[in-house]
Amino acid sequence: MPMTTKRAKVCNGAMGRRGRARREELGVSMKELALRLGVVSQRMSQIELDGVECLGTVRRWAAALDMDPVYLAFGPRKIKGAKQS
């Protein structure tokens, strides 16, 4: 039986908002970021609205924005058992 790989889906608007905020913080235009990712500007706009479905794209997007891909995909996470200050 051949082994198949499934793409993990990570897709949501919150991810898109985090990516857009970081892009704006860096002063990078949507067109420039689209060029870095190898997509057209229209696709970049869609990514910022909806997030992405492929973990590889999350990694490339995060690298282009110099940010942690886990934070881009999921946002800040609380660690169980950690003291809150």
Protein backbone atom coordinates (compact mmCIF):
# COMPACT_ATOMS: atom_id res chain seq x y z
CA MET A 1 0.00 0.00 0.00
CA PRO A 2 1.56 3.35 -1.01
CA MET A 3 2.17 5.83 1.76
CA THR A 4 0.58 9.22 1.25
CA THR A 5 1.27 12.43 3.05
CA LYS A 6 -1.43 14.80 4.11
CA ARG A 7 -1.00 18.51 4.28
CA ALA A 8 -1.71 19.88 7.70
CA LYS A 9 -4.21 22.70 7.52
CA VAL A 10 -3.61 25.83 9.52
CA CYS A 11 -6.00 28.46 8.29
CA ASN A 12 -7.66 31.35 10.05
CA GLY A 13 -8.17 35.08 9.95
CA ALA A 14 -6.24 35.64 13.20
CA MET A 15 -3.11 34.31 11.51
CA GLY A 16 -3.66 36.72 8.65
CA ARG A 17 -4.06 39.63 11.06
CA ARG A 18 -0.81 38.71 12.86
CA GLY A 19 1.02 38.52 9.54
CA ARG A 20 -0.36 41.84 8.32
CA ALA A 21 0.47 43.58 11.59
CA ARG A 22 4.07 42.32 11.38
CA ARG A 23 4.36 43.34 7.71
CA GLU A 24 3.15 46.84 8.55
CA GLU A 25 5.47 46.99 11.59
CA LEU A 26 8.40 46.23 9.27
CA GLY A 27 7.22 48.78 6.69
CA VAL A 28 7.06 46.15 3.93
CA SER A 29 4.48 46.60 1.19
CA MET A 30 2.10 43.80 0.32
CA LYS A 31 3.62 43.72 -3.18
CA GLU A 32 7.15 43.28 -1.78
CA LEU A 33 6.05 40.50 0.56
CA ALA A 34 4.22 38.79 -2.30
CA LEU A 35 7.46 38.86 -4.31
CA ARG A 36 9.37 37.34 -1.37
CA LEU A 37 6.82 34.52 -1.15
CA GLY A 38 6.59 34.03 -4.90
CA VAL A 39 2.88 34.81 -5.12
CA VAL A 40 0.88 37.55 -6.83
CA SER A 41 -0.34 40.53 -4.77
CA GLN A 42 -3.94 39.32 -5.01
CA ARG A 43 -2.96 36.01 -3.39
CA MET A 44 -1.03 37.86 -0.67
CA SER A 45 -4.15 39.87 0.10
CA GLN A 46 -6.14 36.63 0.41
CA ILE A 47 -3.46 35.15 2.68
CA GLU A 48 -3.69 38.18 4.99
CA LEU A 49 -7.48 37.84 5.11
CA ASP A 50 -7.77 34.09 5.61
CA GLY A 51 -4.36 32.73 6.60
CA VAL A 52 -2.96 29.72 4.74
CA GLU A 53 -3.61 25.98 4.56
CA CYS A 54 -0.09 24.65 4.15
CA LEU A 55 2.51 24.53 6.90
CA GLY A 56 5.27 25.07 4.34
CA THR A 57 3.68 28.37 3.37
CA VAL A 58 3.38 29.34 7.03
CA ARG A 59 7.12 28.71 7.42
CA ARG A 60 8.01 30.75 4.31
CA TRP A 61 5.65 33.57 5.33
CA ALA A 62 7.09 33.68 8.85
CA ALA A 63 10.66 33.66 7.52
CA ALA A 64 9.86 36.55 5.16
CA LEU A 65 8.51 38.48 8.17
CA ASP A 66 11.35 37.39 10.49
CA MET A 67 8.94 35.89 13.00
CA ASP A 68 8.29 32.56 14.69
CA PRO A 69 6.05 30.36 12.52
CA VAL A 70 4.30 28.94 15.59
CA TYR A 71 3.41 32.44 16.75
CA LEU A 72 2.23 33.37 13.24
CA ALA A 73 0.02 30.29 13.01
CA PHE A 74 -1.30 30.07 16.56
CA GLY A 75 -0.53 33.33 18.39
CA PRO A 76 0.73 33.56 21.96
CA ARG A 77 0.32 30.44 24.03
CA LYS A 78 0.08 30.05 27.77
CA ILE A 79 2.20 27.35 29.32
CA LYS A 80 0.26 25.14 31.71
CA GLY A 81 1.47 25.46 35.25
CA ALA A 82 3.39 28.68 34.61
CA LYS A 83 2.93 31.48 37.11
CA GLN A 84 1.03 34.48 35.85
CA SER A 85 2.70 37.79 36.71
